[in-house]
Structure formats: C-alpha cells, structure tokens
Amino acid sequence: MIKSIKILGLFLLALSLSAQAEKIGSVDTDFKLIGPDNKIEIEAFDDEGVPGVTCYISRAKTGGLSGAVGIAEDKADASLSCHQTGPITLNDKIKAGKEDGDDVFKKRTSLVFKSMQVVRFYDKKHNALVYMVYSDRILKGSPNNSITAVPILPWPGQSSANTVPAGK
C-alpha cells in the first residue's frame, strides 16, 4: 500500500514538473446549474527544449460539481498549433533524433489515471519539428490526436550558420 502511494506521488510530481501553460482564454460550451460550465480552454506553452517555438492547444474542460472539485475526467479531444516565435537552434540530441517522441508538455486530465501530452519529433529531411498531442491512460489511451509542423526558418537578424540546412 505504501509503495503504491509513493508511486502515485512520483507520478503526480512528474506531471507537475512538465512545462506550464499560460491560459489564453476559454468559451463555455454547456451550461451547468451547479459548478462551472463545460468549456474549451486555449493555452500556450513554449517548448523548453527548443527555444523559439510556442505551441497553442485547445482542449475540452469538464465543468459541473465534479469539475469544480477536480475529479472529473476531461475528454480526449484537443487541437494543436505550434509556431516559430524566435530563432531556433537545435541541440545535438534533437538533430540525431535521440529526443524523438519526448514529452514537451503534459497535463493531468483526470484525478489520477489520464493525461494529455504533447510530444516532439524532428523531421530531418524537411528540416521541421513535428508536434503531436494525444491522451493516454494507465491502461488504455485514445487514438484521438492532432499534429502540427514548424519549419525551421532563418529568423531576421540570425546568421544562417545557426539554422539547420534541410536534409543534413
């Protein structure tokens, strides 16, 4: 029992250490008499592993009494859009594909067992970063997903020596 509590504590700590999102806004989608309404939230976060990339995510947020106390399970649907917002310089691990599939952002979407995460891949041939959002549970995930690609382009005032040539 104590081992299970420790594992749960480590899992929740790992979720809290992921990149933090900034709330941009939300729209109500369903009225709830008691507690907050169901809504779609829009959040932004920076890719901490690749400065110069900002991602925007919209996702369902369950309201009602269970949503207010944090025990509701949010739906697995989400949309993702990432953009170059500054100069991009890739580290050697990303260039080598060693960080493909690494978590860039993770958010708990139920009390314990479900999370939504954004992972990053480097498309060397097309010189682009590809981001995918999906939801998973401890036992079974969801096939719902969304992707976006960020072409790595020279930034005004950045020397071309800092960018990665396509196909290299």
C-alpha atoms as a PDB file:
ATOM      1  CA  MET A   1       0.000   0.000   0.000  1.00  0.00           C
ATOM      2  CA  ILE A   2       2.764   2.441   0.939  1.00  0.00           C
ATOM      3  CA  LYS A   3       4.626   1.551  -2.273  1.00  0.00           C
ATOM      4  CA  SER A   4       1.501   2.386  -4.312  1.00  0.00           C
ATOM      5  CA  ILE A   5       1.187   5.753  -2.575  1.00  0.00           C
ATOM      6  CA  LYS A   6       4.853   6.528  -3.296  1.00  0.00           C
ATOM      7  CA  ILE A   7       4.436   5.610  -6.977  1.00  0.00           C
ATOM      8  CA  LEU A   8       1.312   7.769  -7.206  1.00  0.00           C
ATOM      9  CA  GLY A   9       3.193  10.651  -5.557  1.00  0.00           C
ATOM     10  CA  LEU A  10       6.081  10.367  -8.032  1.00  0.00           C
ATOM     11  CA  PHE A  11       3.623  10.251 -10.946  1.00  0.00           C
ATOM     12  CA  LEU A  12       1.862  13.412  -9.755  1.00  0.00           C
ATOM     13  CA  LEU A  13       5.215  15.138  -9.162  1.00  0.00           C
ATOM     14  CA  ALA A  14       6.333  14.309 -12.713  1.00  0.00           C
ATOM     15  CA  LEU A  15       3.125  15.805 -14.082  1.00  0.00           C
ATOM     16  CA  SER A  16       3.638  18.989 -12.094  1.00  0.00           C
ATOM     17  CA  LEU A  17       7.224  19.412 -13.344  1.00  0.00           C
ATOM     18  CA  SER A  18       6.200  19.427 -17.016  1.00  0.00           C
ATOM     19  CA  ALA A  19       6.077  22.679 -18.961  1.00  0.00           C
ATOM     20  CA  GLN A  20       3.460  25.047 -17.611  1.00  0.00           C
ATOM     21  CA  ALA A  21       0.849  26.513 -19.928  1.00  0.00           C
ATOM     22  CA  GLU A  22      -0.413  30.070 -19.932  1.00  0.00           C
ATOM     23  CA  LYS A  23      -4.195  30.361 -20.215  1.00  0.00           C
ATOM     24  CA  ILE A  24      -5.145  32.469 -23.237  1.00  0.00           C
ATOM     25  CA  GLY A  25      -8.934  32.215 -22.964  1.00  0.00           C
ATOM     26  CA  SER A  26     -11.964  29.938 -22.967  1.00  0.00           C
ATOM     27  CA  VAL A  27     -15.517  29.612 -24.265  1.00  0.00           C
ATOM     28  CA  ASP A  28     -18.432  27.923 -22.499  1.00  0.00           C
ATOM     29  CA  THR A  29     -19.942  25.005 -24.399  1.00  0.00           C
ATOM     30  CA  ASP A  30     -22.510  23.585 -21.976  1.00  0.00           C
ATOM     31  CA  PHE A  31     -24.393  25.190 -19.079  1.00  0.00           C
ATOM     32  CA  LYS A  32     -24.096  23.545 -15.662  1.00  0.00           C
ATOM     33  CA  LEU A  33     -26.524  24.526 -12.894  1.00  0.00           C
ATOM     34  CA  ILE A  34     -24.047  23.617 -10.158  1.00  0.00           C
ATOM     35  CA  GLY A  35     -20.355  24.352 -10.653  1.00  0.00           C
ATOM     36  CA  PRO A  36     -18.537  25.813 -13.656  1.00  0.00           C
ATOM     37  CA  ASP A  37     -19.814  25.263 -17.201  1.00  0.00           C
ATOM     38  CA  ASN A  38     -18.150  22.811 -19.585  1.00  0.00           C
ATOM     39  CA  LYS A  39     -15.749  24.778 -21.766  1.00  0.00           C
ATOM     40  CA  ILE A  40     -12.998  24.747 -24.330  1.00  0.00           C
ATOM     41  CA  GLU A  41      -9.785  26.266 -22.992  1.00  0.00           C
ATOM     42  CA  ILE A  42      -6.964  27.743 -25.066  1.00  0.00           C
ATOM     43  CA  GLU A  43      -3.479  27.638 -23.572  1.00  0.00           C
ATOM     44  CA  ALA A  44       0.023  28.500 -24.800  1.00  0.00           C
ATOM     45  CA  PHE A  45       3.356  26.991 -23.813  1.00  0.00           C
ATOM     46  CA  ASP A  46       6.932  27.304 -25.014  1.00  0.00           C
ATOM     47  CA  ASP A  47       8.966  24.254 -25.979  1.00  0.00           C
ATOM     48  CA  GLU A  48      11.645  24.390 -23.280  1.00  0.00           C
ATOM     49  CA  GLY A  49      13.908  22.083 -25.327  1.00  0.00           C
ATOM     50  CA  VAL A  50      13.715  24.262 -28.449  1.00  0.00           C
ATOM     51  CA  PRO A  51      13.687  27.983 -27.692  1.00  0.00           C
ATOM     52  CA  GLY A  52      11.858  29.889 -30.412  1.00  0.00           C
ATOM     53  CA  VAL A  53       8.817  27.589 -30.621  1.00  0.00           C
ATOM     54  CA  THR A  54       5.471  28.376 -28.982  1.00  0.00           C
ATOM     55  CA  CYS A  55       2.525  25.971 -29.092  1.00  0.00           C
ATOM     56  CA  TYR A  56      -1.167  26.698 -28.659  1.00  0.00           C
ATOM     57  CA  ILE A  57      -3.546  23.990 -27.536  1.00  0.00           C
ATOM     58  CA  SER A  58      -7.324  23.955 -27.241  1.00  0.00           C
ATOM     59  CA  ARG A  59      -8.991  21.248 -25.199  1.00  0.00           C
ATOM     60  CA  ALA A  60     -12.250  20.329 -23.527  1.00  0.00           C
ATOM     61  CA  LYS A  61     -12.528  21.097 -19.812  1.00  0.00           C
ATOM     62  CA  THR A  62     -15.299  19.348 -17.874  1.00  0.00           C
ATOM     63  CA  GLY A  63     -17.340  21.536 -15.546  1.00  0.00           C
ATOM     64  CA  GLY A  64     -20.094  20.780 -13.084  1.00  0.00           C
ATOM     65  CA  LEU A  65     -19.564  19.829  -9.484  1.00  0.00           C
ATOM     66  CA  SER A  66     -17.041  17.085 -10.323  1.00  0.00           C
ATOM     67  CA  GLY A  67     -15.059  19.531 -12.469  1.00  0.00           C
ATOM     68  CA  ALA A  68     -15.068  22.118  -9.696  1.00  0.00           C
ATOM     69  CA  VAL A  69     -13.527  19.712  -7.176  1.00  0.00           C
ATOM     70  CA  GLY A  70     -11.066  18.228  -9.678  1.00  0.00           C
ATOM     71  CA  ILE A  71     -12.393  14.688 -10.015  1.00  0.00           C
ATOM     72  CA  ALA A  72     -13.954  14.974 -13.497  1.00  0.00           C
ATOM     73  CA  GLU A  73     -12.320  13.278 -16.465  1.00  0.00           C
ATOM     74  CA  ASP A  74     -11.841  15.616 -19.433  1.00  0.00           C
ATOM     75  CA  LYS A  75     -12.464  14.380 -22.977  1.00  0.00           C
ATOM     76  CA  ALA A  76      -9.504  13.250 -25.085  1.00  0.00           C
ATOM     77  CA  ASP A  77     -10.145  15.778 -27.865  1.00  0.00           C
ATOM     78  CA  ALA A  78      -7.552  18.513 -28.388  1.00  0.00           C
ATOM     79  CA  SER A  79      -6.213  20.684 -31.185  1.00  0.00           C
ATOM     80  CA  LEU A  80      -2.624  21.873 -31.503  1.00  0.00           C
ATOM     81  CA  SER A  81      -0.846  24.630 -33.423  1.00  0.00           C
ATOM     82  CA  CYS A  82       2.864  25.407 -32.967  1.00  0.00           C
ATOM     83  CA  HIS A  83       4.784  28.318 -34.499  1.00  0.00           C
ATOM     84  CA  GLN A  84       8.274  29.710 -34.729  1.00  0.00           C
ATOM     85  CA  THR A  85       8.370  32.766 -32.467  1.00  0.00           C
ATOM     86  CA  GLY A  86      12.122  33.360 -32.452  1.00  0.00           C
ATOM     87  CA  PRO A  87      15.407  31.938 -33.697  1.00  0.00           C
ATOM     88  CA  ILE A  88      15.582  28.133 -33.497  1.00  0.00           C
ATOM     89  CA  THR A  89      18.799  26.314 -32.690  1.00  0.00           C
ATOM     90  CA  LEU A  90      18.577  22.547 -32.236  1.00  0.00           C
ATOM     91  CA  ASN A  91      20.767  20.662 -29.787  1.00  0.00           C
ATOM     92  CA  ASP A  92      22.754  17.641 -30.996  1.00  0.00           C
ATOM     93  CA  LYS A  93      20.355  15.103 -29.429  1.00  0.00           C
ATOM     94  CA  ILE A  94      17.387  16.532 -31.337  1.00  0.00           C
ATOM     95  CA  LYS A  95      19.394  16.668 -34.593  1.00  0.00           C
ATOM     96  CA  ALA A  96      20.328  12.993 -34.114  1.00  0.00           C
ATOM     97  CA  GLY A  97      16.700  12.002 -33.457  1.00  0.00           C
ATOM     98  CA  LYS A  98      17.530  10.876 -29.903  1.00  0.00           C
ATOM     99  CA  GLU A  99      14.758  13.014 -28.421  1.00  0.00           C
ATOM    100  CA  ASP A 100      12.031  11.986 -30.896  1.00  0.00           C
ATOM    101  CA  GLY A 101       8.816  11.324 -29.006  1.00  0.00           C
ATOM    102  CA  ASP A 102       9.962  13.120 -25.857  1.00  0.00           C
ATOM    103  CA  ASP A 103       7.281  14.940 -23.862  1.00  0.00           C
ATOM    104  CA  VAL A 104       7.223  18.686 -24.395  1.00  0.00           C
ATOM    105  CA  PHE A 105       4.053  19.295 -22.384  1.00  0.00           C
ATOM    106  CA  LYS A 106       1.900  17.121 -20.146  1.00  0.00           C
ATOM    107  CA  LYS A 107      -1.306  17.906 -18.297  1.00  0.00           C
ATOM    108  CA  ARG A 108      -3.441  15.764 -16.000  1.00  0.00           C
ATOM    109  CA  THR A 109      -6.978  15.397 -17.394  1.00  0.00           C
ATOM    110  CA  SER A 110      -8.441  13.246 -14.631  1.00  0.00           C
ATOM    111  CA  LEU A 111      -7.747  12.851 -10.935  1.00  0.00           C
ATOM    112  CA  VAL A 112      -5.071  10.178 -11.402  1.00  0.00           C
ATOM    113  CA  PHE A 113      -5.187   7.944 -14.450  1.00  0.00           C
ATOM    114  CA  LYS A 114      -5.462  10.134 -17.556  1.00  0.00           C
ATOM    115  CA  SER A 115      -3.171  12.748 -19.067  1.00  0.00           C
ATOM    116  CA  MET A 116      -2.850  14.753 -22.263  1.00  0.00           C
ATOM    117  CA  GLN A 117       0.620  15.183 -23.656  1.00  0.00           C
ATOM    118  CA  VAL A 118       2.460  16.863 -26.487  1.00  0.00           C
ATOM    119  CA  VAL A 119       5.486  15.118 -27.980  1.00  0.00           C
ATOM    120  CA  ARG A 120       8.077  16.409 -30.458  1.00  0.00           C
ATOM    121  CA  PHE A 121       9.773  14.769 -33.456  1.00  0.00           C
ATOM    122  CA  TYR A 122      12.477  16.173 -35.743  1.00  0.00           C
ATOM    123  CA  ASP A 123      11.897  15.663 -39.480  1.00  0.00           C
ATOM    124  CA  LYS A 124      15.473  15.894 -40.740  1.00  0.00           C
ATOM    125  CA  LYS A 125      14.571  15.520 -44.424  1.00  0.00           C
ATOM    126  CA  HIS A 126      12.198  18.508 -44.376  1.00  0.00           C
ATOM    127  CA  ASN A 127      14.013  20.485 -41.649  1.00  0.00           C
ATOM    128  CA  ALA A 128      10.919  20.751 -39.493  1.00  0.00           C
ATOM    129  CA  LEU A 129       9.754  19.986 -35.986  1.00  0.00           C
ATOM    130  CA  VAL A 130       6.541  17.960 -35.761  1.00  0.00           C
ATOM    131  CA  TYR A 131       4.425  18.130 -32.608  1.00  0.00           C
ATOM    132  CA  MET A 132       1.604  15.706 -31.730  1.00  0.00           C
ATOM    133  CA  VAL A 133      -0.984  15.924 -28.954  1.00  0.00           C
ATOM    134  CA  TYR A 134      -2.727  12.813 -27.636  1.00  0.00           C
ATOM    135  CA  SER A 135      -4.342  11.489 -24.497  1.00  0.00           C
ATOM    136  CA  ASP A 136      -3.457   8.359 -22.583  1.00  0.00           C
ATOM    137  CA  ARG A 137      -4.487   6.418 -19.532  1.00  0.00           C
ATOM    138  CA  ILE A 138      -2.545   3.990 -17.423  1.00  0.00           C
ATOM    139  CA  LEU A 139      -4.345   1.049 -19.052  1.00  0.00           C
ATOM    140  CA  LYS A 140      -5.622   2.335 -22.404  1.00  0.00           C
ATOM    141  CA  GLY A 141      -5.039   5.503 -24.386  1.00  0.00           C
ATOM    142  CA  SER A 142      -7.100   7.239 -27.041  1.00  0.00           C
ATOM    143  CA  PRO A 143      -6.414   7.278 -30.781  1.00  0.00           C
ATOM    144  CA  ASN A 144      -7.589  10.913 -30.912  1.00  0.00           C
ATOM    145  CA  ASN A 145      -4.644  13.095 -31.863  1.00  0.00           C
ATOM    146  CA  SER A 146      -3.634  16.255 -33.665  1.00  0.00           C
ATOM    147  CA  ILE A 147      -0.323  17.255 -35.242  1.00  0.00           C
ATOM    148  CA  THR A 148       1.350  20.445 -36.357  1.00  0.00           C
ATOM    149  CA  ALA A 149       4.683  21.116 -38.060  1.00  0.00           C
ATOM    150  CA  VAL A 150       7.088  24.017 -37.584  1.00  0.00           C
ATOM    151  CA  PRO A 151       9.501  24.553 -40.493  1.00  0.00           C
ATOM    152  CA  ILE A 152      12.861  25.740 -39.174  1.00  0.00           C
ATOM    153  CA  LEU A 153      13.479  29.030 -40.959  1.00  0.00           C
ATOM    154  CA  PRO A 154      16.158  31.692 -40.501  1.00  0.00           C
ATOM    155  CA  TRP A 155      14.997  34.386 -38.108  1.00  0.00           C
ATOM    156  CA  PRO A 156      15.531  38.050 -39.014  1.00  0.00           C
ATOM    157  CA  GLY A 157      18.924  39.070 -37.642  1.00  0.00           C
ATOM    158  CA  GLN A 158      20.037  35.445 -37.110  1.00  0.00           C
ATOM    159  CA  SER A 159      23.070  34.202 -39.012  1.00  0.00           C
ATOM    160  CA  SER A 160      22.342  31.272 -41.312  1.00  0.00           C
ATOM    161  CA  ALA A 161      25.121  29.323 -39.543  1.00  0.00           C
ATOM    162  CA  ASN A 162      22.712  28.739 -36.637  1.00  0.00           C
ATOM    163  CA  THR A 163      19.970  27.132 -38.737  1.00  0.00           C
ATOM    164  CA  VAL A 164      19.971  23.508 -39.804  1.00  0.00           C
ATOM    165  CA  PRO A 165      20.058  23.026 -43.588  1.00  0.00           C
ATOM    166  CA  ALA A 166      17.281  20.763 -44.899  1.00  0.00           C
ATOM    167  CA  GLY A 167      18.296  17.130 -45.289  1.00  0.00           C
ATOM    168  CA  LYS A 168      21.505  17.473 -43.237  1.00  0.00           C
END
